[in-house]
Amino acid sequence: MASSPLLLSAGEIAAQIRHKEVSPVEVARTHLDRIELLNPKLNAFVDCQPEAVLAQAREAEKAALGKDKDELGPMHGVPVSIKSSIDVARHRCEAGTRLRAGYIATEDAPLVARLRAAGAVILGVTNAPELLMAWETDNLLYGRTNNPWDLTRTSGGSSGGEAAAIAAGLSAAGVGSDGGGSIRVPAHFCGICGLKPTPGRIPSTGHYPKAGGPFALIGVVGPMARTVEDLRTLFAVMAGWDDGDPCAAPVDLREVRETVVRNVSIGFFEDDGRTPVTPETRLAVSHAASLLSNCGVRVEPFRPEGLEEARQRWWEFFGTAGGMILGSMLRGHESELSPILREFLAWTNAAPAHTGESLLAAWLGRDAVREKILLQMRKYPVLICPTAAIPAFQHGEREWQVEGKTVKYLDAWSYCEWFNLLGFPAVVVPMGHSDEGLPIGVQVVGRPWEEEVVLAVAAILEKERGSWQAPPLS
């Protein structure tokens, strides 16, 4: 994959540890050195405790003594990072807001506990925009996170710290969260992979803000990594029922072989007919379709009807209902909020708050458009499409000229927002670059609870695309 051992996949690091080619302590020290060197430029980590990391690594080394390599967990000794909105015991999990400044989690979220049980070494927690309400990462607690491809550009949001850390080799893999593209947009901006699962497939218990009500239908936690195979491993480790997740379902893991995928019809579209995308984005989508077609997979042009309605319904959940949920938390603290969060609240307050009738109508409308699109996907169970209209943007930008049209901030990510509203799993895979050399990822989308199918298609794409490219900062 890459010449630097820091940029090996999580799976490759785990294999080296299992075969005693490198020790967990050596791996941990190498990553800590990398964090010390590059984090001042990126501002990806907001809480990394080197002594605690080395203590975990020594325990991993000790635990491996006398054990056969097959007895070790799939993440044994692998250093991973966690978004600061997810509880990691003894770490500052503040979700980027002054209102939680100094909050120290007392116990691990279930997904973190599952990673530890699989042998992972937790490096620390990464930066996020205040209360996660942005597609860029900046806050009044820690400042902005920069993109390792170009420090003048954002790494995305809200899992921007995660994406920057993984892309630059500060972390082998990690966990983000996604209510409107917050895993997928940063993965696309930073040139890594990310999975937004079906709500409830990986427990959101221990995430702040808490998933509940309308938010539980659109917000998820999921893995981020440099390879699809690492996403598979992380997904298998973290998935499973938990009482604290209101959408949890006892869905067993399945093995989906490549031969099965080759019999699945795939639909692809380069734009949604509303928000234009850059020419390089179109090329990335068509390239992905061609690669699959060349492998014998049936791939045809197809764009589901109902996407625009899904976008509007998504805002009724994320924007209108989300603004109401946050409003009660933030009332009286307006002067302590970051400019980005105040901007988001201004957008949500531009429309009337939900009444009981309007929220019921939004919920029924969501179910109706979901049914409409699922019926269409009986023919095409997997979709290939853009992740966003543009690649990583300069810090502070709010609109862009694309194909002679002005693309506004909230519209640029609509390609992700549909699938939060619909509850569909989606993987982002790097598939090209812009004229400026910025990475461009495409989405592979499937039906609810079919993460294994989506990951299998993404793995074929990754294999046919060729080796992963590291950012210049690496």
Protein backbone atom coordinates (compact mmCIF):
# COMPACT_ATOMS: atom_id res chain seq x y z
CA MET A 1 0.00 0.00 0.00
CA ALA A 2 2.37 2.71 1.16
CA SER A 3 6.09 2.81 1.89
CA SER A 4 5.79 4.18 5.43
CA PRO A 5 4.86 1.62 8.11
CA LEU A 6 2.66 4.34 9.61
CA LEU A 7 0.44 4.12 6.55
CA LEU A 8 -0.08 0.39 6.58
CA SER A 9 -3.67 -0.70 6.93
CA ALA A 10 -4.97 -1.64 10.37
CA GLY A 11 -5.17 -5.23 9.14
CA GLU A 12 -1.53 -5.21 8.07
CA ILE A 13 -0.44 -3.79 11.42
CA ALA A 14 -2.46 -6.47 13.24
CA ALA A 15 -0.88 -9.18 11.08
CA GLN A 16 2.64 -7.93 11.83
CA ILE A 17 1.86 -7.96 15.56
CA ARG A 18 0.38 -11.47 15.37
CA HIS A 19 3.52 -12.74 13.62
CA LYS A 20 5.78 -10.97 16.16
CA GLU A 21 7.32 -8.82 13.41
CA VAL A 22 6.63 -5.72 15.48
CA SER A 23 5.43 -5.19 19.04
CA PRO A 24 2.33 -3.22 20.12
CA VAL A 25 4.64 -0.91 22.08
CA GLU A 26 6.72 -0.13 18.97
CA VAL A 27 3.56 0.58 16.99
CA ALA A 28 2.16 2.81 19.72
CA ARG A 29 5.39 4.79 20.07
CA THR A 30 5.60 5.31 16.32
CA HIS A 31 2.08 6.70 16.21
CA LEU A 32 2.67 8.89 19.27
CA ASP A 33 5.77 10.34 17.58
CA ARG A 34 3.68 10.99 14.51
CA ILE A 35 1.02 12.77 16.57
CA GLU A 36 3.66 14.94 18.23
CA LEU A 37 5.09 15.86 14.83
CA LEU A 38 1.97 16.51 12.77
CA ASN A 39 -0.88 17.27 15.16
CA PRO A 40 0.27 20.89 15.64
CA LYS A 41 -0.32 21.38 11.90
CA LEU A 42 -3.53 19.35 11.62
CA ASN A 43 -5.17 19.83 15.02
CA ALA A 44 -6.82 16.44 14.69
CA PHE A 45 -6.39 15.10 18.25
CA VAL A 46 -7.79 17.09 21.17
CA ASP A 47 -6.95 14.60 23.92
CA CYS A 48 -4.10 12.10 23.56
CA GLN A 49 -2.47 10.74 26.73
CA PRO A 50 0.85 9.12 25.75
CA GLU A 51 1.45 7.29 29.03
CA ALA A 52 -2.03 5.78 28.96
CA VAL A 53 -1.48 4.72 25.33
CA LEU A 54 1.84 3.05 26.17
CA ALA A 55 0.25 1.32 29.18
CA GLN A 56 -2.39 -0.18 26.89
CA ALA A 57 0.29 -1.23 24.42
CA ARG A 58 2.32 -2.94 27.16
CA GLU A 59 -0.80 -4.82 28.26
CA ALA A 60 -1.39 -5.90 24.64
CA GLU A 61 2.22 -7.09 24.44
CA LYS A 62 1.90 -8.99 27.69
CA ALA A 63 -1.43 -10.53 26.66
CA ALA A 64 0.14 -11.90 23.47
CA LEU A 65 2.83 -13.84 25.34
CA GLY A 66 2.28 -17.55 25.18
CA LYS A 67 -0.72 -17.22 22.89
CA ASP A 68 -1.06 -18.53 19.38
CA LYS A 69 -1.58 -15.82 16.79
CA ASP A 70 -5.10 -17.10 16.10
CA GLU A 71 -6.06 -16.50 19.74
CA LEU A 72 -5.53 -12.74 19.47
CA GLY A 73 -8.35 -10.34 18.64
CA PRO A 74 -8.60 -8.91 15.11
CA MET A 75 -7.46 -5.45 16.33
CA HIS A 76 -4.81 -6.64 18.77
CA GLY A 77 -2.30 -3.84 19.34
CA VAL A 78 -3.72 -1.63 16.58
CA PRO A 79 -3.87 2.10 17.52
CA VAL A 80 -7.27 3.67 16.85
CA SER A 81 -8.88 7.04 17.53
CA ILE A 82 -12.41 8.03 18.53
CA LYS A 83 -14.43 11.15 17.71
CA SER A 84 -14.78 13.39 20.78
CA SER A 85 -18.57 13.02 20.78
CA ILE A 86 -18.25 9.35 21.84
CA ASP A 87 -17.45 8.38 25.43
CA VAL A 88 -13.92 7.08 26.00
CA ALA A 89 -13.17 6.47 29.67
CA ARG A 90 -10.84 9.04 31.27
CA HIS A 91 -10.83 11.23 28.16
CA ARG A 92 -12.30 14.66 27.43
CA CYS A 93 -15.39 13.91 25.35
CA GLU A 94 -16.75 17.42 24.91
CA ALA A 95 -18.30 17.32 21.41
CA GLY A 96 -16.54 20.58 20.62
CA THR A 97 -18.66 22.78 22.89
CA ARG A 98 -17.77 25.06 25.78
CA LEU A 99 -20.95 23.87 27.45
CA ARG A 100 -19.20 20.51 28.08
CA ALA A 101 -15.69 21.90 28.60
CA GLY A 102 -13.74 19.63 30.90
CA TYR A 103 -16.23 16.76 30.71
CA ILE A 104 -14.39 13.49 31.35
CA ALA A 105 -16.16 10.25 30.41
CA THR A 106 -16.32 7.77 33.28
CA GLU A 107 -16.80 4.69 31.11
CA ASP A 108 -16.44 3.57 27.52
CA ALA A 109 -19.30 3.67 25.06
CA PRO A 110 -20.24 0.07 24.07
CA LEU A 111 -18.53 0.36 20.70
CA VAL A 112 -15.29 1.50 22.41
CA ALA A 113 -15.50 -1.38 24.88
CA ARG A 114 -15.92 -3.77 21.94
CA LEU A 115 -12.85 -2.32 20.23
CA ARG A 116 -10.81 -2.76 23.42
CA ALA A 117 -12.06 -6.35 23.73
CA ALA A 118 -10.80 -6.97 20.18
CA GLY A 119 -7.37 -5.76 21.28
CA ALA A 120 -7.37 -2.17 20.00
CA VAL A 121 -5.18 0.46 21.66
CA ILE A 122 -7.13 3.71 22.05
CA LEU A 123 -4.94 6.68 21.13
CA GLY A 124 -7.37 9.38 22.22
CA VAL A 125 -10.19 11.52 20.91
CA THR A 126 -10.39 13.79 17.88
CA ASN A 127 -11.77 17.22 17.08
CA ALA A 128 -15.33 18.01 15.94
CA PRO A 129 -17.40 21.14 15.29
CA GLU A 130 -19.55 22.35 18.15
CA LEU A 131 -22.28 19.79 18.80
CA LEU A 132 -21.43 18.30 15.38
CA MET A 133 -23.61 20.69 13.40
CA ALA A 134 -21.29 21.47 10.45
CA TRP A 135 -19.53 19.95 7.47
CA GLU A 136 -16.23 21.45 8.63
CA THR A 137 -14.39 21.13 11.93
CA ASP A 138 -13.84 24.26 14.03
CA ASN A 139 -14.86 25.26 17.53
CA LEU A 140 -14.05 27.70 20.34
CA LEU A 141 -12.45 25.02 22.50
CA TYR A 142 -9.73 23.78 20.17
CA GLY A 143 -9.94 25.68 16.90
CA ARG A 144 -10.08 24.28 13.39
CA THR A 145 -8.80 21.02 11.94
CA ASN A 146 -6.85 21.24 8.69
CA ASN A 147 -6.81 18.89 5.72
CA PRO A 148 -3.57 16.91 5.24
CA TRP A 149 -3.90 17.39 1.47
CA ASP A 150 -3.92 21.18 1.84
CA LEU A 151 -3.71 22.90 5.22
CA THR A 152 -5.71 25.88 3.92
CA ARG A 153 -8.72 23.59 3.44
CA THR A 154 -11.08 21.89 5.84
CA SER A 155 -10.92 18.19 6.64
CA GLY A 156 -14.72 18.17 6.67
CA GLY A 157 -17.20 17.65 9.45
CA SER A 158 -18.35 16.65 11.73
CA SER A 159 -15.85 13.74 11.94
CA GLY A 160 -13.10 15.96 10.56
CA GLY A 161 -10.55 15.22 13.27
CA GLU A 162 -10.92 11.50 12.63
CA ALA A 163 -10.51 11.81 8.86
CA ALA A 164 -7.42 14.02 9.13
CA ALA A 165 -5.77 11.75 11.72
CA ILE A 166 -6.35 8.57 9.72
CA ALA A 167 -5.35 10.04 6.36
CA ALA A 168 -2.08 11.45 7.73
CA GLY A 169 -1.11 8.28 9.61
CA LEU A 170 -1.65 9.61 13.14
CA SER A 171 -4.16 6.80 13.67
CA ALA A 172 -4.59 3.46 11.92
CA ALA A 173 -8.40 3.66 11.97
CA GLY A 174 -11.21 5.12 14.01
CA VAL A 175 -14.85 5.88 14.68
CA GLY A 176 -17.01 8.83 13.63
CA SER A 177 -20.70 9.67 13.61
CA ASP A 178 -23.01 10.75 10.80
CA GLY A 179 -26.38 12.53 10.74
CA GLY A 180 -26.05 14.21 7.35
CA GLY A 181 -22.72 13.14 5.86
CA SER A 182 -20.48 13.56 8.92
CA ILE A 183 -18.50 10.37 8.27
CA ARG A 184 -18.72 10.37 4.49
CA VAL A 185 -17.89 14.02 3.70
CA PRO A 186 -14.67 14.00 5.79
CA ALA A 187 -13.70 10.64 4.25
CA HIS A 188 -14.27 12.14 0.79
CA PHE A 189 -12.35 15.32 1.65
CA CYS A 190 -9.35 13.46 3.13
CA GLY A 191 -9.14 10.49 0.76
CA ILE A 192 -10.06 7.65 3.12
CA CYS A 193 -12.95 5.19 3.50
CA GLY A 194 -15.96 5.54 5.78
CA LEU A 195 -19.12 3.55 6.50
CA LYS A 196 -22.45 5.07 7.51
CA PRO A 197 -24.39 2.01 8.71
CA THR A 198 -28.10 1.46 9.10
CA PRO A 199 -29.35 3.10 12.34
CA GLY A 200 -29.05 0.55 15.15
CA ARG A 201 -26.53 -1.74 13.47
CA ILE A 202 -23.67 -0.29 15.56
CA PRO A 203 -24.91 1.03 18.92
CA SER A 204 -24.89 4.81 19.33
CA THR A 205 -25.04 4.45 23.11
CA GLY A 206 -22.52 6.81 24.70
CA HIS A 207 -22.71 9.38 21.91
CA TYR A 208 -23.43 13.05 22.62
CA PRO A 209 -25.80 14.54 21.65
CA LYS A 210 -27.79 11.43 22.44
CA ALA A 211 -29.66 9.74 19.60
CA GLY A 212 -33.36 9.90 20.32
CA GLY A 213 -36.68 10.78 18.69
CA PRO A 214 -36.30 11.95 15.07
CA PHE A 215 -32.50 12.08 15.46
CA ALA A 216 -32.38 8.33 16.15
CA LEU A 217 -33.69 7.68 12.63
CA ILE A 218 -30.93 9.63 10.89
CA GLY A 219 -27.88 9.66 13.19
CA VAL A 220 -25.41 6.76 13.38
CA VAL A 221 -21.87 5.89 14.47
CA GLY A 222 -19.53 4.08 12.13
CA PRO A 223 -15.95 3.12 11.21
CA MET A 224 -13.40 5.16 9.27
CA ALA A 225 -10.15 3.74 7.85
CA ARG A 226 -7.76 3.79 4.93
CA THR A 227 -9.10 0.54 3.41
CA VAL A 228 -12.46 -1.15 2.93
CA GLU A 229 -11.12 -4.32 4.54
CA ASP A 230 -10.42 -2.33 7.71
CA LEU A 231 -13.99 -1.00 7.62
CA ARG A 232 -15.18 -4.61 7.47
CA THR A 233 -13.09 -5.58 10.48
CA LEU A 234 -14.17 -2.58 12.56
CA PHE A 235 -17.79 -3.08 11.58
CA ALA A 236 -17.69 -6.77 12.61
CA VAL A 237 -16.15 -5.81 15.97
CA MET A 238 -18.57 -2.98 16.81
CA ALA A 239 -21.87 -4.24 15.37
CA GLY A 240 -24.53 -5.82 17.54
CA TRP A 241 -27.44 -5.14 19.83
CA ASP A 242 -27.24 -2.73 22.75
CA ASP A 243 -30.11 -1.77 25.03
CA GLY A 244 -29.19 1.93 24.95
CA ASP A 245 -29.75 2.40 21.21
CA PRO A 246 -33.44 3.01 20.41
CA CYS A 247 -32.97 1.66 16.86
CA ALA A 248 -30.97 -1.44 17.82
CA ALA A 249 -31.95 -4.67 16.07
CA PRO A 250 -30.50 -8.19 16.51
CA VAL A 251 -29.12 -8.50 12.98
CA ASP A 252 -26.45 -11.17 12.61
CA LEU A 253 -23.27 -10.60 10.64
CA ARG A 254 -23.21 -12.29 7.25
CA GLU A 255 -20.47 -13.26 4.86
CA VAL A 256 -21.09 -11.95 1.34
CA ARG A 257 -18.77 -13.42 -1.24
CA GLU A 258 -17.62 -11.60 -4.35
CA THR A 259 -19.46 -14.13 -6.52
CA VAL A 260 -22.74 -13.06 -4.92
CA VAL A 261 -22.02 -9.39 -5.64
CA ARG A 262 -21.39 -10.12 -9.29
CA ASN A 263 -25.04 -11.17 -9.59
CA VAL A 264 -26.34 -7.89 -8.10
CA SER A 265 -27.58 -5.19 -10.47
CA ILE A 266 -26.09 -1.81 -9.67
CA GLY A 267 -27.48 1.59 -10.64
CA PHE A 268 -25.32 4.70 -10.90
CA PHE A 269 -25.91 8.41 -11.40
CA GLU A 270 -23.43 11.27 -11.74
CA ASP A 271 -25.71 14.03 -10.42
CA ASP A 272 -29.18 14.45 -8.96
CA GLY A 273 -30.50 16.90 -11.56
CA ARG A 274 -30.61 19.68 -8.95
CA THR A 275 -27.16 20.28 -7.46
CA PRO A 276 -24.34 20.17 -10.04
CA VAL A 277 -21.08 18.37 -9.30
CA THR A 278 -17.57 19.10 -10.53
CA PRO A 279 -16.40 17.41 -13.77
CA GLU A 280 -13.85 15.39 -11.79
CA THR A 281 -16.65 14.13 -9.53
CA ARG A 282 -18.60 12.94 -12.56
CA LEU A 283 -15.49 11.23 -13.83
CA ALA A 284 -14.94 9.48 -10.49
CA VAL A 285 -18.48 8.06 -10.52
CA SER A 286 -18.29 6.93 -14.15
CA HIS A 287 -14.85 5.41 -13.46
CA ALA A 288 -16.29 3.42 -10.56
CA ALA A 289 -19.15 2.20 -12.77
CA SER A 290 -16.70 1.18 -15.49
CA LEU A 291 -14.47 -0.73 -13.10
CA LEU A 292 -17.43 -2.76 -11.83
CA SER A 293 -18.72 -3.35 -15.34
CA ASN A 294 -15.30 -4.58 -16.45
CA CYS A 295 -15.47 -7.12 -13.62
CA GLY A 296 -18.66 -8.57 -15.06
CA VAL A 297 -21.06 -6.77 -12.71
CA ARG A 298 -24.26 -5.47 -14.28
CA VAL A 299 -24.07 -1.68 -13.96
CA GLU A 300 -26.66 0.62 -15.54
CA PRO A 301 -27.56 4.32 -15.38
CA PHE A 302 -30.30 4.77 -12.77
CA ARG A 303 -31.38 7.61 -10.52
CA PRO A 304 -34.21 6.88 -8.07
CA GLU A 305 -37.26 9.12 -8.12
CA GLY A 306 -37.92 10.86 -4.81
CA LEU A 307 -34.44 12.13 -3.93
CA GLU A 308 -35.50 15.77 -3.78
CA GLU A 309 -38.37 14.89 -1.45
CA ALA A 310 -35.91 12.93 0.70
CA ARG A 311 -33.64 15.99 0.91
CA GLN A 312 -36.52 18.19 2.06
CA ARG A 313 -37.69 15.63 4.61
CA TRP A 314 -34.14 15.25 5.91
CA TRP A 315 -34.02 18.96 6.76
CA GLU A 316 -37.34 18.65 8.62
CA PHE A 317 -35.62 16.08 10.85
CA PHE A 318 -32.03 17.35 11.03
CA GLY A 319 -32.68 21.07 10.71
CA THR A 320 -36.10 21.86 12.12
CA ALA A 321 -36.37 19.08 14.72
CA GLY A 322 -32.64 19.21 15.43
CA GLY A 323 -32.81 22.94 16.06
CA MET A 324 -35.66 22.38 18.50
CA ILE A 325 -33.74 19.67 20.36
CA LEU A 326 -30.61 21.83 20.60
CA GLY A 327 -32.60 24.97 21.36
CA SER A 328 -33.63 23.83 24.81
CA MET A 329 -30.03 22.86 25.61
CA LEU A 330 -28.54 26.13 24.40
CA ARG A 331 -31.08 28.63 25.68
CA GLY A 332 -29.31 31.25 27.79
CA HIS A 333 -25.87 30.24 26.49
CA GLU A 334 -25.98 32.03 23.14
CA SER A 335 -22.89 34.14 23.88
CA GLU A 336 -20.81 30.99 24.48
CA LEU A 337 -21.56 29.40 21.08
CA SER A 338 -19.18 29.19 18.14
CA PRO A 339 -19.92 31.21 14.96
CA ILE A 340 -20.54 27.98 13.01
CA LEU A 341 -23.17 26.76 15.47
CA ARG A 342 -24.83 30.19 15.61
CA GLU A 343 -24.99 30.10 11.81
CA PHE A 344 -26.64 26.67 11.89
CA LEU A 345 -29.20 27.84 14.44
CA ALA A 346 -30.00 30.86 12.28
CA TRP A 347 -30.80 28.50 9.41
CA THR A 348 -33.00 26.30 11.59
CA ASN A 349 -34.82 29.31 13.07
CA ALA A 350 -35.62 30.68 9.61
CA ALA A 351 -38.61 28.31 9.42
CA PRO A 352 -41.36 27.74 12.00
CA ALA A 353 -40.76 25.14 14.70
CA HIS A 354 -42.60 21.85 14.37
CA THR A 355 -46.10 21.46 15.69
CA GLY A 356 -47.36 18.01 16.54
CA GLU A 357 -49.11 17.92 13.17
CA SER A 358 -46.08 19.02 11.14
CA LEU A 359 -43.74 16.52 12.86
CA LEU A 360 -46.27 13.74 12.25
CA ALA A 361 -46.53 14.79 8.60
CA ALA A 362 -42.73 14.80 8.28
CA TRP A 363 -42.50 11.34 9.82
CA LEU A 364 -45.22 9.92 7.56
CA GLY A 365 -43.62 11.62 4.58
CA ARG A 366 -40.28 10.09 5.44
CA ASP A 367 -41.78 6.60 5.55
CA ALA A 368 -43.60 7.16 2.25
CA VAL A 369 -40.51 8.32 0.33
CA ARG A 370 -38.47 5.52 1.89
CA GLU A 371 -40.98 2.97 0.63
CA LYS A 372 -41.00 4.61 -2.80
CA ILE A 373 -37.24 4.41 -3.20
CA LEU A 374 -36.95 0.92 -1.72
CA LEU A 375 -39.47 -0.37 -4.27
CA GLN A 376 -37.31 1.07 -7.05
CA MET A 377 -34.24 -0.57 -5.53
CA ARG A 378 -35.71 -4.02 -5.96
CA LYS A 379 -34.16 -3.84 -9.43
CA TYR A 380 -30.99 -2.04 -8.31
CA PRO A 381 -30.16 -3.06 -4.70
CA VAL A 382 -26.90 -1.06 -4.83
CA LEU A 383 -26.34 2.52 -6.02
CA ILE A 384 -23.14 4.35 -6.99
CA CYS A 385 -23.23 8.17 -6.79
CA PRO A 386 -21.23 11.24 -5.70
CA THR A 387 -20.48 11.93 -2.05
CA ALA A 388 -20.64 15.72 -2.45
CA ALA A 389 -20.78 18.36 -5.18
CA ILE A 390 -17.22 19.54 -4.52
CA PRO A 391 -13.91 18.37 -3.01
CA ALA A 392 -12.49 19.89 0.19
CA PHE A 393 -13.11 23.63 0.37
CA GLN A 394 -11.08 26.53 1.72
CA HIS A 395 -11.76 27.34 5.39
CA GLY A 396 -14.77 29.64 5.71
CA GLU A 397 -16.16 29.29 2.18
CA ARG A 398 -19.94 29.11 1.86
CA GLU A 399 -20.68 28.86 -1.88
CA TRP A 400 -19.01 27.66 -5.05
CA GLN A 401 -19.41 27.99 -8.80
CA VAL A 402 -19.97 24.58 -10.38
CA GLU A 403 -20.92 24.11 -14.03
CA GLY A 404 -22.01 27.74 -14.24
CA LYS A 405 -24.29 27.51 -11.19
CA THR A 406 -23.90 28.64 -7.59
CA VAL A 407 -23.85 25.77 -5.12
CA LYS A 408 -24.73 26.82 -1.56
CA TYR A 409 -23.21 25.34 1.59
CA LEU A 410 -26.22 23.24 2.66
CA ASP A 411 -26.85 21.95 -0.86
CA ALA A 412 -23.32 20.68 -1.52
CA TRP A 413 -23.82 17.67 0.80
CA SER A 414 -27.34 16.68 -0.26
CA TYR A 415 -25.84 13.59 -1.89
CA CYS A 416 -25.23 12.27 1.64
CA GLU A 417 -28.33 13.65 3.35
CA TRP A 418 -30.84 11.51 1.43
CA PHE A 419 -29.41 8.31 2.85
CA ASN A 420 -29.55 9.52 6.45
CA LEU A 421 -33.24 10.26 6.01
CA LEU A 422 -33.80 6.88 4.33
CA GLY A 423 -31.67 4.89 6.79
CA PHE A 424 -29.58 3.28 4.04
CA PRO A 425 -26.00 2.09 4.62
CA ALA A 426 -23.35 3.84 2.51
CA VAL A 427 -19.60 3.48 2.07
CA VAL A 428 -17.26 6.14 0.66
CA VAL A 429 -14.29 4.90 -1.39
CA PRO A 430 -11.59 7.22 -2.81
CA MET A 431 -11.90 7.09 -6.58
CA GLY A 432 -10.18 10.12 -8.10
CA HIS A 433 -8.68 13.59 -7.68
CA SER A 434 -9.60 17.15 -8.57
CA ASP A 435 -7.50 19.40 -10.79
CA GLU A 436 -5.93 20.74 -7.57
CA GLY A 437 -4.96 17.21 -6.55
CA LEU A 438 -7.66 16.88 -3.86
CA PRO A 439 -9.22 13.44 -3.28
CA ILE A 440 -12.70 12.57 -4.53
CA GLY A 441 -14.67 9.69 -3.07
CA VAL A 442 -17.78 8.00 -4.41
CA GLN A 443 -20.63 6.51 -2.42
CA VAL A 444 -21.70 2.88 -2.57
CA VAL A 445 -25.23 2.70 -1.15
CA GLY A 446 -27.42 -0.27 -0.27
CA ARG A 447 -30.70 -1.20 1.36
CA PRO A 448 -31.17 -1.21 5.15
CA TRP A 449 -29.23 -3.89 7.06
CA GLU A 450 -27.22 -4.84 3.95
CA GLU A 451 -23.87 -3.37 5.04
CA GLU A 452 -22.12 -6.58 4.04
CA VAL A 453 -23.28 -6.22 0.43
CA VAL A 454 -22.24 -2.56 0.28
CA LEU A 455 -18.82 -3.37 1.75
CA ALA A 456 -18.34 -6.22 -0.72
CA VAL A 457 -19.03 -3.92 -3.69
CA ALA A 458 -16.75 -1.27 -2.20
CA ALA A 459 -13.99 -3.87 -1.81
CA ILE A 460 -14.17 -4.74 -5.52
CA LEU A 461 -13.93 -1.07 -6.40
CA GLU A 462 -10.94 -0.58 -4.13
CA LYS A 463 -9.18 -3.64 -5.56
CA GLU A 464 -9.72 -2.56 -9.16
CA ARG A 465 -8.80 1.06 -8.44
CA GLY A 466 -5.32 0.21 -7.22
CA SER A 467 -3.25 1.20 -4.21
CA TRP A 468 -4.27 3.95 -1.81
CA GLN A 469 -2.58 7.32 -2.16
CA ALA A 470 -1.31 9.13 0.92
CA PRO A 471 -1.73 12.91 1.29
CA PRO A 472 1.26 15.25 0.78
CA LEU A 473 1.62 15.91 4.51
CA SER A 474 2.46 12.20 4.96
